[in-house]
């Protein structure tokens, strides 16, 4: 199998930290988003959606959704599973991953992609062109504040979001909290539990 990625971007980081944590050895190729290589003819033939990460299996099957890639790799390499020890834990982890993406990652992206020249005509990932909407920057920042407050409540007196070991939900939350820095948002002082959790997770993930 082969992974196409851009290691510093948030969705690729979700997969990258899983691979690092589980010690997976996988053929990897960087696609430079800043140079818009995702829109190249070569990569468009692999993934017409022009999104990263993208995992191509040995039989040619392509996975281009981050959570799908994470679930597949966890199944193929079951050591140190990041999707729980039971059906209930797996459901809870996937639920957190969805919530973190919808409430956190998409809020940051809303701010990041609706201003400036870097994402002009591309406020959403992929080849579809559309105008930026400046008003969404303000809304995105409000959503980020709400996300900090909600996640602070979730991690109070917890080492991990689900169960007694690190899961994909922890990886996703850690990545999205870091992604907030791309729009100059840091975990506020009043979210002390979340600040502590983030620092502990940084150590656990070897960052």
N, C-alpha and C. Protein backbone atom coordinates (compact mmCIF):
# COMPACT_ATOMS: atom_id res chain seq x y z
N UNK A 1 0.83 -1.19 0.00
CA UNK A 1 0.00 0.00 0.00
C UNK A 1 0.88 1.25 0.00
N UNK A 2 0.27 2.38 -0.40
CA UNK A 2 1.01 3.62 -0.47
C UNK A 2 0.15 4.76 0.06
N UNK A 3 0.75 5.59 0.90
CA UNK A 3 0.06 6.73 1.48
C UNK A 3 0.54 8.01 0.84
N UNK A 4 -0.38 8.79 0.33
CA UNK A 4 -0.11 10.13 -0.18
C UNK A 4 -0.54 11.11 0.90
N UNK A 5 0.35 12.04 1.25
CA UNK A 5 0.08 12.87 2.41
C UNK A 5 0.78 14.22 2.29
N UNK A 6 0.48 15.10 3.22
CA UNK A 6 1.22 16.36 3.40
C UNK A 6 1.33 16.51 4.91
N UNK A 7 2.42 16.04 5.45
CA UNK A 7 2.53 15.68 6.87
C UNK A 7 2.11 16.76 7.85
N UNK A 8 2.30 18.04 7.51
CA UNK A 8 2.02 19.10 8.49
C UNK A 8 0.55 19.49 8.53
N UNK A 9 -0.24 19.12 7.53
CA UNK A 9 -1.65 19.48 7.49
C UNK A 9 -2.45 18.64 8.49
N UNK A 10 -3.58 19.15 8.99
CA UNK A 10 -4.27 18.47 10.08
C UNK A 10 -4.79 17.07 9.77
N UNK A 11 -5.48 16.87 8.66
CA UNK A 11 -5.97 15.52 8.37
C UNK A 11 -4.83 14.53 8.15
N UNK A 12 -3.80 14.86 7.38
CA UNK A 12 -2.65 13.97 7.31
C UNK A 12 -2.00 13.70 8.67
N UNK A 13 -2.00 14.69 9.56
CA UNK A 13 -1.42 14.48 10.89
C UNK A 13 -2.22 13.45 11.69
N UNK A 14 -3.52 13.42 11.50
CA UNK A 14 -4.34 12.43 12.19
C UNK A 14 -3.88 11.02 11.84
N UNK A 15 -3.60 10.80 10.57
CA UNK A 15 -3.10 9.50 10.12
C UNK A 15 -1.64 9.31 10.53
N UNK A 16 -0.84 10.36 10.36
CA UNK A 16 0.58 10.28 10.67
C UNK A 16 0.86 9.92 12.12
N UNK A 17 0.09 10.48 13.04
CA UNK A 17 0.30 10.18 14.45
C UNK A 17 -0.16 8.77 14.78
N UNK A 18 -1.20 8.29 14.12
CA UNK A 18 -1.61 6.89 14.28
C UNK A 18 -0.48 5.96 13.84
N UNK A 19 0.09 6.25 12.67
CA UNK A 19 1.18 5.42 12.14
C UNK A 19 2.37 5.43 13.08
N UNK A 20 2.71 6.60 13.59
CA UNK A 20 3.84 6.72 14.52
C UNK A 20 3.57 5.95 15.81
N UNK A 21 2.38 6.12 16.37
CA UNK A 21 2.03 5.48 17.64
C UNK A 21 2.06 3.96 17.52
N UNK A 22 1.57 3.43 16.39
CA UNK A 22 1.49 2.00 16.20
C UNK A 22 2.75 1.40 15.59
N UNK A 23 3.68 2.26 15.17
CA UNK A 23 4.94 1.77 14.62
C UNK A 23 4.78 1.10 13.26
N UNK A 24 3.92 1.65 12.42
CA UNK A 24 3.66 1.08 11.10
C UNK A 24 4.69 1.58 10.10
N UNK A 25 5.19 0.69 9.28
CA UNK A 25 6.11 1.05 8.19
C UNK A 25 5.32 1.04 6.89
N UNK A 26 5.18 2.19 6.26
CA UNK A 26 4.35 2.28 5.07
C UNK A 26 4.99 3.21 4.04
N UNK A 27 4.92 2.83 2.78
CA UNK A 27 5.44 3.66 1.69
C UNK A 27 4.65 4.96 1.63
N UNK A 28 5.35 6.08 1.65
CA UNK A 28 4.69 7.39 1.74
C UNK A 28 5.25 8.36 0.72
N UNK A 29 4.37 9.15 0.13
CA UNK A 29 4.78 10.20 -0.79
C UNK A 29 4.12 11.52 -0.39
N UNK A 30 4.95 12.55 -0.26
CA UNK A 30 4.44 13.88 0.07
C UNK A 30 3.87 14.57 -1.18
N UNK A 31 2.69 15.16 -1.01
CA UNK A 31 2.06 15.98 -2.04
C UNK A 31 1.99 17.39 -1.47
N UNK A 32 2.70 18.33 -2.06
CA UNK A 32 2.85 19.67 -1.51
C UNK A 32 1.59 20.50 -1.76
N UNK A 33 0.82 20.72 -0.71
CA UNK A 33 -0.40 21.51 -0.84
C UNK A 33 -0.10 22.97 -1.16
N UNK A 34 1.01 23.48 -0.63
CA UNK A 34 1.34 24.89 -0.89
C UNK A 34 1.66 25.14 -2.35
N UNK A 35 2.14 24.09 -3.02
CA UNK A 35 2.42 24.18 -4.47
C UNK A 35 1.24 23.68 -5.31
N UNK A 36 0.12 23.35 -4.60
CA UNK A 36 -1.11 22.88 -5.25
C UNK A 36 -0.88 21.61 -6.08
N UNK A 37 0.03 20.76 -5.58
CA UNK A 37 0.30 19.50 -6.28
C UNK A 37 -0.89 18.55 -6.24
N UNK A 38 -1.82 18.79 -5.31
CA UNK A 38 -3.01 17.92 -5.24
C UNK A 38 -3.89 18.06 -6.48
N UNK A 39 -3.69 19.15 -7.23
CA UNK A 39 -4.48 19.36 -8.45
C UNK A 39 -3.74 18.91 -9.71
N UNK A 40 -2.56 18.34 -9.53
CA UNK A 40 -1.79 17.89 -10.69
C UNK A 40 -2.52 16.76 -11.41
N UNK A 41 -2.22 16.59 -12.67
CA UNK A 41 -2.84 15.53 -13.45
C UNK A 41 -2.52 14.16 -12.87
N UNK A 42 -1.28 14.01 -12.40
CA UNK A 42 -0.85 12.72 -11.84
C UNK A 42 -1.65 12.36 -10.60
N UNK A 43 -1.78 13.32 -9.66
CA UNK A 43 -2.49 13.00 -8.42
C UNK A 43 -4.00 12.95 -8.65
N UNK A 44 -4.53 13.78 -9.54
CA UNK A 44 -5.97 13.75 -9.84
C UNK A 44 -6.40 12.39 -10.38
N UNK A 45 -5.48 11.72 -11.04
CA UNK A 45 -5.79 10.37 -11.54
C UNK A 45 -5.91 9.37 -10.38
N UNK A 46 -5.23 9.66 -9.29
CA UNK A 46 -5.28 8.79 -8.10
C UNK A 46 -6.49 9.14 -7.25
N UNK A 47 -6.70 10.43 -7.03
CA UNK A 47 -7.82 10.90 -6.21
C UNK A 47 -8.42 12.16 -6.85
N UNK A 48 -9.49 12.01 -7.62
CA UNK A 48 -10.12 13.16 -8.28
C UNK A 48 -10.65 14.21 -7.32
N UNK A 49 -10.84 13.83 -6.05
CA UNK A 49 -11.30 14.79 -5.05
C UNK A 49 -10.19 15.75 -4.63
N UNK A 50 -8.95 15.41 -4.97
CA UNK A 50 -7.78 16.26 -4.69
C UNK A 50 -7.62 16.54 -3.20
N UNK A 51 -7.83 15.52 -2.38
CA UNK A 51 -7.71 15.69 -0.94
C UNK A 51 -6.63 14.75 -0.38
N UNK A 52 -6.10 15.15 0.76
CA UNK A 52 -5.11 14.35 1.47
C UNK A 52 -5.56 14.17 2.91
N UNK A 53 -5.23 13.01 3.49
CA UNK A 53 -4.42 11.92 2.96
C UNK A 53 -5.22 11.04 2.01
N UNK A 54 -4.50 10.25 1.21
CA UNK A 54 -5.10 9.25 0.33
C UNK A 54 -4.27 7.98 0.45
N UNK A 55 -4.95 6.87 0.67
CA UNK A 55 -4.27 5.58 0.82
C UNK A 55 -4.68 4.67 -0.34
N UNK A 56 -3.68 4.19 -1.09
CA UNK A 56 -3.92 3.27 -2.19
C UNK A 56 -3.45 1.88 -1.78
N UNK A 57 -4.37 0.92 -1.79
CA UNK A 57 -4.06 -0.44 -1.36
C UNK A 57 -3.39 -1.21 -2.49
N UNK A 58 -2.84 -2.36 -2.15
CA UNK A 58 -2.10 -3.15 -3.13
C UNK A 58 -2.97 -3.60 -4.31
N UNK A 59 -4.28 -3.74 -4.07
CA UNK A 59 -5.16 -4.17 -5.15
C UNK A 59 -5.73 -2.99 -5.95
N UNK A 60 -5.26 -1.77 -5.62
CA UNK A 60 -5.71 -0.58 -6.34
C UNK A 60 -6.86 0.16 -5.69
N UNK A 61 -7.45 -0.42 -4.66
CA UNK A 61 -8.52 0.27 -3.94
C UNK A 61 -7.98 1.55 -3.30
N UNK A 62 -8.75 2.63 -3.40
CA UNK A 62 -8.32 3.92 -2.86
C UNK A 62 -9.23 4.35 -1.72
N UNK A 63 -8.63 4.74 -0.61
CA UNK A 63 -9.35 5.33 0.52
C UNK A 63 -8.92 6.79 0.61
N UNK A 64 -9.90 7.69 0.63
CA UNK A 64 -9.56 9.12 0.64
C UNK A 64 -10.26 9.90 1.75
N UNK A 65 -10.87 9.19 2.69
CA UNK A 65 -11.45 9.83 3.88
C UNK A 65 -10.60 9.48 5.09
N UNK A 66 -10.21 10.48 5.85
CA UNK A 66 -9.24 10.27 6.93
C UNK A 66 -9.69 9.21 7.92
N UNK A 67 -10.92 9.29 8.39
CA UNK A 67 -11.37 8.33 9.40
C UNK A 67 -11.39 6.92 8.82
N UNK A 68 -11.69 6.79 7.52
CA UNK A 68 -11.68 5.47 6.88
C UNK A 68 -10.26 4.91 6.83
N UNK A 69 -9.30 5.75 6.51
CA UNK A 69 -7.90 5.33 6.48
C UNK A 69 -7.46 4.88 7.87
N UNK A 70 -7.81 5.67 8.87
CA UNK A 70 -7.42 5.32 10.24
C UNK A 70 -8.03 3.99 10.66
N UNK A 71 -9.31 3.79 10.38
CA UNK A 71 -9.98 2.55 10.76
C UNK A 71 -9.38 1.36 10.03
N UNK A 72 -9.06 1.53 8.76
CA UNK A 72 -8.48 0.44 7.98
C UNK A 72 -7.10 0.06 8.53
N UNK A 73 -6.25 1.05 8.75
CA UNK A 73 -4.90 0.76 9.24
C UNK A 73 -4.95 0.13 10.63
N UNK A 74 -5.88 0.56 11.46
CA UNK A 74 -6.00 -0.02 12.79
C UNK A 74 -6.42 -1.48 12.72
N UNK A 75 -7.25 -1.81 11.73
CA UNK A 75 -7.69 -3.19 11.55
C UNK A 75 -6.58 -4.08 11.00
N UNK A 76 -5.84 -3.54 10.04
CA UNK A 76 -4.76 -4.31 9.41
C UNK A 76 -3.57 -4.48 10.36
N UNK A 77 -3.33 -3.46 11.18
CA UNK A 77 -2.24 -3.50 12.16
C UNK A 77 -2.86 -3.38 13.55
N UNK A 78 -3.39 -4.47 14.11
CA UNK A 78 -4.20 -4.40 15.33
C UNK A 78 -3.43 -4.13 16.61
N UNK A 79 -2.10 -4.23 16.59
CA UNK A 79 -1.33 -3.96 17.80
C UNK A 79 -1.58 -2.52 18.25
N UNK A 80 -1.83 -2.34 19.55
CA UNK A 80 -2.10 -1.02 20.13
C UNK A 80 -3.28 -0.34 19.42
N UNK A 81 -4.40 -1.02 19.39
CA UNK A 81 -5.58 -0.49 18.71
C UNK A 81 -5.97 0.88 19.24
N UNK A 82 -6.33 1.77 18.33
CA UNK A 82 -6.78 3.11 18.71
C UNK A 82 -8.29 3.26 18.50
N UNK A 83 -8.98 2.13 18.33
CA UNK A 83 -10.43 2.16 18.16
C UNK A 83 -11.16 1.33 19.21
N UNK A 84 -10.56 1.21 20.37
CA UNK A 84 -11.26 0.67 21.52
C UNK A 84 -11.13 -0.83 21.72
N UNK A 85 -11.51 -1.26 22.94
CA UNK A 85 -11.41 -2.66 23.32
C UNK A 85 -12.75 -3.36 23.25
N UNK A 86 -13.79 -2.65 22.86
CA UNK A 86 -15.13 -3.25 22.77
C UNK A 86 -15.93 -2.50 21.71
N UNK A 87 -17.07 -3.08 21.35
CA UNK A 87 -17.94 -2.42 20.39
C UNK A 87 -18.42 -1.07 20.89
N UNK A 88 -18.71 -0.97 22.18
CA UNK A 88 -19.16 0.30 22.74
C UNK A 88 -18.05 1.34 22.67
N UNK A 89 -16.83 0.97 23.06
CA UNK A 89 -15.72 1.92 23.00
C UNK A 89 -15.48 2.38 21.57
N UNK A 90 -15.55 1.46 20.61
CA UNK A 90 -15.36 1.82 19.20
C UNK A 90 -16.41 2.86 18.78
N UNK A 91 -17.66 2.62 19.17
CA UNK A 91 -18.72 3.57 18.84
C UNK A 91 -18.47 4.93 19.48
N UNK A 92 -18.04 4.93 20.72
CA UNK A 92 -17.78 6.19 21.42
C UNK A 92 -16.61 6.94 20.78
N UNK A 93 -15.58 6.21 20.38
CA UNK A 93 -14.41 6.83 19.74
C UNK A 93 -14.79 7.45 18.41
N UNK A 94 -15.53 6.70 17.60
CA UNK A 94 -15.95 7.24 16.30
C UNK A 94 -16.85 8.46 16.50
N UNK A 95 -17.72 8.40 17.51
CA UNK A 95 -18.56 9.54 17.82
C UNK A 95 -17.75 10.78 18.16
N UNK A 96 -16.72 10.61 19.00
CA UNK A 96 -15.84 11.73 19.33
C UNK A 96 -15.12 12.25 18.10
N UNK A 97 -14.61 11.34 17.26
CA UNK A 97 -13.89 11.76 16.05
C UNK A 97 -14.79 12.63 15.17
N UNK A 98 -16.04 12.21 15.02
CA UNK A 98 -16.98 12.98 14.21
C UNK A 98 -17.24 14.34 14.84
N UNK A 99 -17.46 14.35 16.14
CA UNK A 99 -17.74 15.62 16.84
C UNK A 99 -16.54 16.56 16.76
N UNK A 100 -15.36 16.04 16.98
CA UNK A 100 -14.15 16.87 16.94
C UNK A 100 -13.95 17.47 15.56
N UNK A 101 -14.22 16.68 14.53
CA UNK A 101 -14.08 17.20 13.17
C UNK A 101 -15.13 18.27 12.88
N UNK A 102 -16.38 18.00 13.22
CA UNK A 102 -17.46 18.92 12.89
C UNK A 102 -17.41 20.20 13.72
N UNK A 103 -17.13 20.07 15.01
CA UNK A 103 -17.16 21.23 15.89
C UNK A 103 -15.83 21.96 15.98
N UNK A 104 -14.74 21.24 15.76
CA UNK A 104 -13.43 21.84 15.91
C UNK A 104 -12.72 22.09 14.60
N UNK A 105 -12.38 21.03 13.87
CA UNK A 105 -11.60 21.17 12.65
C UNK A 105 -12.31 22.04 11.62
N UNK A 106 -13.62 21.82 11.45
CA UNK A 106 -14.34 22.61 10.44
C UNK A 106 -14.45 24.07 10.84
N UNK A 107 -14.48 24.34 12.14
CA UNK A 107 -14.52 25.74 12.60
C UNK A 107 -13.22 26.46 12.28
N UNK A 108 -12.10 25.80 12.52
CA UNK A 108 -10.80 26.39 12.19
C UNK A 108 -10.69 26.60 10.69
N UNK A 109 -11.10 25.60 9.92
CA UNK A 109 -11.04 25.71 8.46
C UNK A 109 -11.91 26.85 7.96
N UNK A 110 -13.03 27.07 8.62
CA UNK A 110 -13.92 28.17 8.25
C UNK A 110 -13.22 29.51 8.35
N UNK A 111 -12.44 29.68 9.41
CA UNK A 111 -11.67 30.91 9.59
C UNK A 111 -10.53 30.98 8.59
N UNK A 112 -9.79 29.89 8.50
CA UNK A 112 -8.57 29.86 7.69
C UNK A 112 -8.85 30.08 6.21
N UNK A 113 -9.89 29.45 5.70
CA UNK A 113 -10.08 29.39 4.25
C UNK A 113 -10.98 30.49 3.69
N UNK A 114 -11.53 31.33 4.57
CA UNK A 114 -12.42 32.39 4.09
C UNK A 114 -11.81 33.78 4.13
N UNK A 115 -10.47 33.82 4.19
CA UNK A 115 -9.79 35.11 4.12
C UNK A 115 -8.42 34.89 3.49
N UNK A 116 -7.88 35.94 2.89
CA UNK A 116 -6.54 35.88 2.33
C UNK A 116 -6.48 35.25 0.96
N UNK A 117 -5.32 35.39 0.32
CA UNK A 117 -5.12 34.93 -1.05
C UNK A 117 -4.84 33.44 -1.15
N UNK A 118 -4.32 32.85 -0.08
CA UNK A 118 -3.90 31.45 -0.14
C UNK A 118 -5.05 30.52 -0.53
N UNK A 119 -6.28 30.85 -0.07
CA UNK A 119 -7.43 30.00 -0.37
C UNK A 119 -8.48 30.74 -1.20
N UNK A 120 -8.06 31.73 -1.95
CA UNK A 120 -8.98 32.45 -2.81
C UNK A 120 -9.66 31.47 -3.77
N UNK A 121 -10.99 31.54 -3.82
CA UNK A 121 -11.81 30.66 -4.66
C UNK A 121 -11.80 29.21 -4.20
N UNK A 122 -11.17 28.92 -3.04
CA UNK A 122 -11.10 27.53 -2.54
C UNK A 122 -11.39 27.46 -1.04
N UNK A 123 -12.56 27.94 -0.59
CA UNK A 123 -12.86 27.88 0.84
C UNK A 123 -13.15 26.47 1.34
N UNK A 124 -13.32 25.52 0.41
CA UNK A 124 -13.49 24.12 0.76
C UNK A 124 -12.44 23.29 0.03
N UNK A 125 -11.99 22.19 0.64
CA UNK A 125 -11.01 21.34 -0.05
C UNK A 125 -11.59 20.78 -1.35
N UNK A 126 -10.71 20.49 -2.29
CA UNK A 126 -11.14 19.87 -3.54
C UNK A 126 -11.14 20.82 -4.71
N UNK A 127 -11.52 20.34 -5.87
CA UNK A 127 -11.41 21.12 -7.10
C UNK A 127 -12.53 22.14 -7.31
N UNK A 128 -13.61 22.06 -6.55
CA UNK A 128 -14.74 22.98 -6.76
C UNK A 128 -14.36 24.40 -6.38
N UNK A 129 -14.59 25.32 -7.30
CA UNK A 129 -14.27 26.72 -7.07
C UNK A 129 -15.52 27.47 -6.59
N UNK A 130 -15.34 28.34 -5.60
CA UNK A 130 -16.44 29.15 -5.08
C UNK A 130 -15.85 30.33 -4.32
N UNK A 131 -16.63 31.38 -4.09
CA UNK A 131 -16.08 32.56 -3.42
C UNK A 131 -15.92 32.35 -1.91
N UNK A 132 -14.95 33.05 -1.35
CA UNK A 132 -14.83 33.11 0.10
C UNK A 132 -15.97 33.94 0.67
N UNK A 133 -16.35 33.67 1.92
CA UNK A 133 -17.40 34.43 2.60
C UNK A 133 -16.80 35.00 3.88
N UNK A 134 -16.52 36.28 3.87
CA UNK A 134 -15.83 36.91 4.99
C UNK A 134 -16.55 36.76 6.32
N UNK A 135 -17.89 36.76 6.30
CA UNK A 135 -18.66 36.67 7.54
C UNK A 135 -18.41 35.35 8.28
N UNK A 136 -17.99 34.33 7.53
CA UNK A 136 -17.75 33.04 8.16
C UNK A 136 -16.51 33.03 9.05
N UNK A 137 -15.63 34.01 8.88
CA UNK A 137 -14.46 34.12 9.75
C UNK A 137 -14.90 34.40 11.18
N UNK A 138 -15.81 35.36 11.33
CA UNK A 138 -16.32 35.69 12.67
C UNK A 138 -17.07 34.51 13.27
N UNK A 139 -17.91 33.87 12.45
CA UNK A 139 -18.65 32.72 12.96
C UNK A 139 -17.72 31.59 13.35
N UNK A 140 -16.69 31.35 12.54
CA UNK A 140 -15.74 30.30 12.85
C UNK A 140 -15.03 30.53 14.17
N UNK A 141 -14.67 31.76 14.45
CA UNK A 141 -14.02 32.07 15.72
C UNK A 141 -14.95 31.84 16.90
N UNK A 142 -16.22 32.14 16.74
CA UNK A 142 -17.18 31.85 17.80
C UNK A 142 -17.29 30.35 18.03
N UNK A 143 -17.26 29.61 16.95
CA UNK A 143 -17.32 28.15 17.06
C UNK A 143 -16.08 27.59 17.74
N UNK A 144 -14.91 28.17 17.46
CA UNK A 144 -13.67 27.70 18.10
C UNK A 144 -13.75 27.92 19.61
N UNK A 145 -14.24 29.08 20.03
CA UNK A 145 -14.40 29.36 21.46
C UNK A 145 -15.31 28.32 22.11
N UNK A 146 -16.43 28.03 21.46
CA UNK A 146 -17.37 27.04 21.99
C UNK A 146 -16.72 25.66 22.04
N UNK A 147 -15.89 25.34 21.05
CA UNK A 147 -15.20 24.05 21.00
C UNK A 147 -14.24 23.92 22.18
N UNK A 148 -13.45 24.95 22.45
CA UNK A 148 -12.55 24.92 23.60
C UNK A 148 -13.33 24.64 24.88
N UNK A 149 -14.41 25.34 25.08
CA UNK A 149 -15.19 25.21 26.31
C UNK A 149 -15.80 23.81 26.43
N UNK A 150 -16.31 23.29 25.32
CA UNK A 150 -16.92 21.96 25.35
C UNK A 150 -15.88 20.87 25.63
N UNK A 151 -14.74 20.95 24.97
CA UNK A 151 -13.71 19.93 25.17
C UNK A 151 -13.07 20.03 26.55
N UNK A 152 -13.01 21.22 27.10
CA UNK A 152 -12.50 21.37 28.46
C UNK A 152 -13.34 20.55 29.43
N UNK A 153 -14.66 20.59 29.26
CA UNK A 153 -15.55 19.81 30.12
C UNK A 153 -15.35 18.31 29.90
N UNK A 154 -15.07 17.93 28.65
CA UNK A 154 -14.93 16.50 28.34
C UNK A 154 -13.69 15.87 28.98
N UNK A 155 -12.62 16.64 29.17
CA UNK A 155 -11.37 16.04 29.64
C UNK A 155 -11.12 16.22 31.14
N UNK A 156 -12.02 16.88 31.82
CA UNK A 156 -11.84 17.05 33.27
C UNK A 156 -11.73 15.68 33.95
N UNK A 157 -10.67 15.50 34.71
CA UNK A 157 -10.40 14.26 35.44
C UNK A 157 -10.25 13.05 34.52
N UNK A 158 -9.82 13.29 33.27
CA UNK A 158 -9.62 12.19 32.32
C UNK A 158 -8.21 12.22 31.76
N UNK A 159 -7.62 11.04 31.61
CA UNK A 159 -6.36 10.93 30.87
C UNK A 159 -6.63 10.73 29.38
N UNK A 160 -7.74 10.04 29.08
CA UNK A 160 -8.12 9.74 27.70
C UNK A 160 -9.61 9.99 27.53
N UNK A 161 -10.01 10.31 26.32
CA UNK A 161 -11.43 10.59 26.09
C UNK A 161 -12.30 9.37 26.28
N UNK A 162 -11.79 8.20 25.87
CA UNK A 162 -12.55 6.96 25.99
C UNK A 162 -11.65 5.87 26.56
N UNK A 163 -12.12 5.20 27.60
CA UNK A 163 -11.39 4.05 28.13
C UNK A 163 -10.09 4.42 28.83
N UNK A 164 -9.19 3.44 28.89
CA UNK A 164 -7.96 3.58 29.66
C UNK A 164 -6.70 3.63 28.80
N UNK A 165 -6.86 3.84 27.51
CA UNK A 165 -5.69 3.92 26.64
C UNK A 165 -5.94 4.93 25.53
N UNK A 166 -4.86 5.33 24.88
CA UNK A 166 -4.94 6.33 23.83
C UNK A 166 -5.77 5.82 22.67
N UNK A 167 -6.62 6.67 22.13
CA UNK A 167 -7.48 6.29 21.01
C UNK A 167 -7.38 7.33 19.89
N UNK A 168 -8.02 7.01 18.77
CA UNK A 168 -8.04 7.95 17.66
C UNK A 168 -8.73 9.25 18.06
N UNK A 169 -9.67 9.18 18.99
CA UNK A 169 -10.32 10.40 19.48
C UNK A 169 -9.31 11.33 20.13
N UNK A 170 -8.39 10.77 20.92
CA UNK A 170 -7.34 11.58 21.54
C UNK A 170 -6.42 12.19 20.49
N UNK A 171 -6.04 11.38 19.50
CA UNK A 171 -5.19 11.88 18.42
C UNK A 171 -5.88 13.03 17.70
N UNK A 172 -7.16 12.84 17.38
CA UNK A 172 -7.89 13.87 16.63
C UNK A 172 -8.02 15.16 17.43
N UNK A 173 -8.35 15.05 18.72
CA UNK A 173 -8.47 16.25 19.53
C UNK A 173 -7.13 16.96 19.64
N UNK A 174 -6.07 16.21 19.86
CA UNK A 174 -4.74 16.80 19.95
C UNK A 174 -4.38 17.55 18.66
N UNK A 175 -4.65 16.93 17.51
CA UNK A 175 -4.34 17.55 16.22
C UNK A 175 -5.15 18.83 16.01
N UNK A 176 -6.43 18.78 16.32
CA UNK A 176 -7.29 19.95 16.08
C UNK A 176 -6.92 21.10 17.02
N UNK A 177 -6.55 20.79 18.24
CA UNK A 177 -6.10 21.86 19.15
C UNK A 177 -4.85 22.53 18.60
N UNK A 178 -3.96 21.76 18.02
CA UNK A 178 -2.79 22.34 17.37
C UNK A 178 -3.16 23.13 16.13
N UNK A 179 -4.14 22.63 15.38
CA UNK A 179 -4.62 23.30 14.17
C UNK A 179 -5.17 24.68 14.50
N UNK A 180 -5.71 24.85 15.68
CA UNK A 180 -6.23 26.16 16.10
C UNK A 180 -5.14 27.24 16.02
N UNK A 181 -3.90 26.83 16.23
CA UNK A 181 -2.80 27.78 16.15
C UNK A 181 -2.62 28.36 14.76
N UNK A 182 -3.11 27.68 13.72
CA UNK A 182 -3.00 28.19 12.36
C UNK A 182 -3.82 29.48 12.18
N UNK A 183 -4.82 29.69 13.05
CA UNK A 183 -5.61 30.93 12.99
C UNK A 183 -5.39 31.74 14.27
N UNK A 184 -4.24 31.51 14.89
CA UNK A 184 -3.81 32.27 16.07
C UNK A 184 -4.77 32.15 17.25
N UNK A 185 -5.29 30.94 17.42
CA UNK A 185 -6.14 30.67 18.58
C UNK A 185 -5.45 29.63 19.45
N UNK A 186 -5.27 29.97 20.71
CA UNK A 186 -4.66 29.06 21.68
C UNK A 186 -5.70 28.68 22.72
N UNK A 187 -5.49 27.53 23.36
CA UNK A 187 -6.40 27.11 24.43
C UNK A 187 -6.42 28.20 25.50
N UNK A 188 -7.58 28.77 25.82
CA UNK A 188 -7.63 29.87 26.79
C UNK A 188 -7.31 29.43 28.20
N UNK A 189 -6.85 30.38 29.02
CA UNK A 189 -6.45 30.07 30.39
C UNK A 189 -7.59 29.47 31.20
N UNK A 190 -8.81 29.90 30.92
CA UNK A 190 -9.95 29.39 31.69
C UNK A 190 -10.25 27.92 31.38
N UNK A 191 -9.63 27.39 30.35
CA UNK A 191 -9.78 25.97 30.02
C UNK A 191 -8.55 25.21 30.51
N UNK A 192 -8.32 25.27 31.81
CA UNK A 192 -7.10 24.72 32.41
C UNK A 192 -7.01 23.21 32.23
N UNK A 193 -8.13 22.53 32.34
CA UNK A 193 -8.12 21.07 32.18
C UNK A 193 -7.70 20.68 30.77
N UNK A 194 -8.16 21.43 29.79
CA UNK A 194 -7.81 21.15 28.40
C UNK A 194 -6.35 21.46 28.14
N UNK A 195 -5.84 22.54 28.72
CA UNK A 195 -4.41 22.86 28.59
C UNK A 195 -3.56 21.73 29.14
N UNK A 196 -3.91 21.24 30.33
CA UNK A 196 -3.15 20.16 30.96
C UNK A 196 -3.23 18.89 30.13
N UNK A 197 -4.42 18.57 29.65
CA UNK A 197 -4.60 17.37 28.83
C UNK A 197 -3.75 17.45 27.56
N UNK A 198 -3.73 18.60 26.92
CA UNK A 198 -2.97 18.78 25.70
C UNK A 198 -1.48 18.56 25.94
N UNK A 199 -0.95 19.12 27.01
CA UNK A 199 0.48 18.96 27.31
C UNK A 199 0.82 17.50 27.62
N UNK A 200 -0.05 16.82 28.34
CA UNK A 200 0.18 15.41 28.64
C UNK A 200 0.13 14.57 27.37
N UNK A 201 -0.80 14.91 26.47
CA UNK A 201 -0.93 14.16 25.23
C UNK A 201 0.29 14.38 24.33
N UNK A 202 0.83 15.58 24.35
CA UNK A 202 2.03 15.88 23.58
C UNK A 202 3.16 14.92 23.98
N UNK A 203 3.31 14.69 25.26
CA UNK A 203 4.34 13.77 25.76
C UNK A 203 4.02 12.33 25.35
N UNK A 204 2.77 11.92 25.49
CA UNK A 204 2.38 10.55 25.17
C UNK A 204 2.58 10.24 23.68
N UNK A 205 2.42 11.25 22.84
CA UNK A 205 2.57 11.05 21.40
C UNK A 205 4.00 11.33 20.92
N UNK A 206 4.88 11.67 21.86
CA UNK A 206 6.28 11.89 21.51
C UNK A 206 6.51 13.11 20.64
N UNK A 207 5.72 14.14 20.88
CA UNK A 207 5.83 15.35 20.07
C UNK A 207 6.84 16.33 20.68
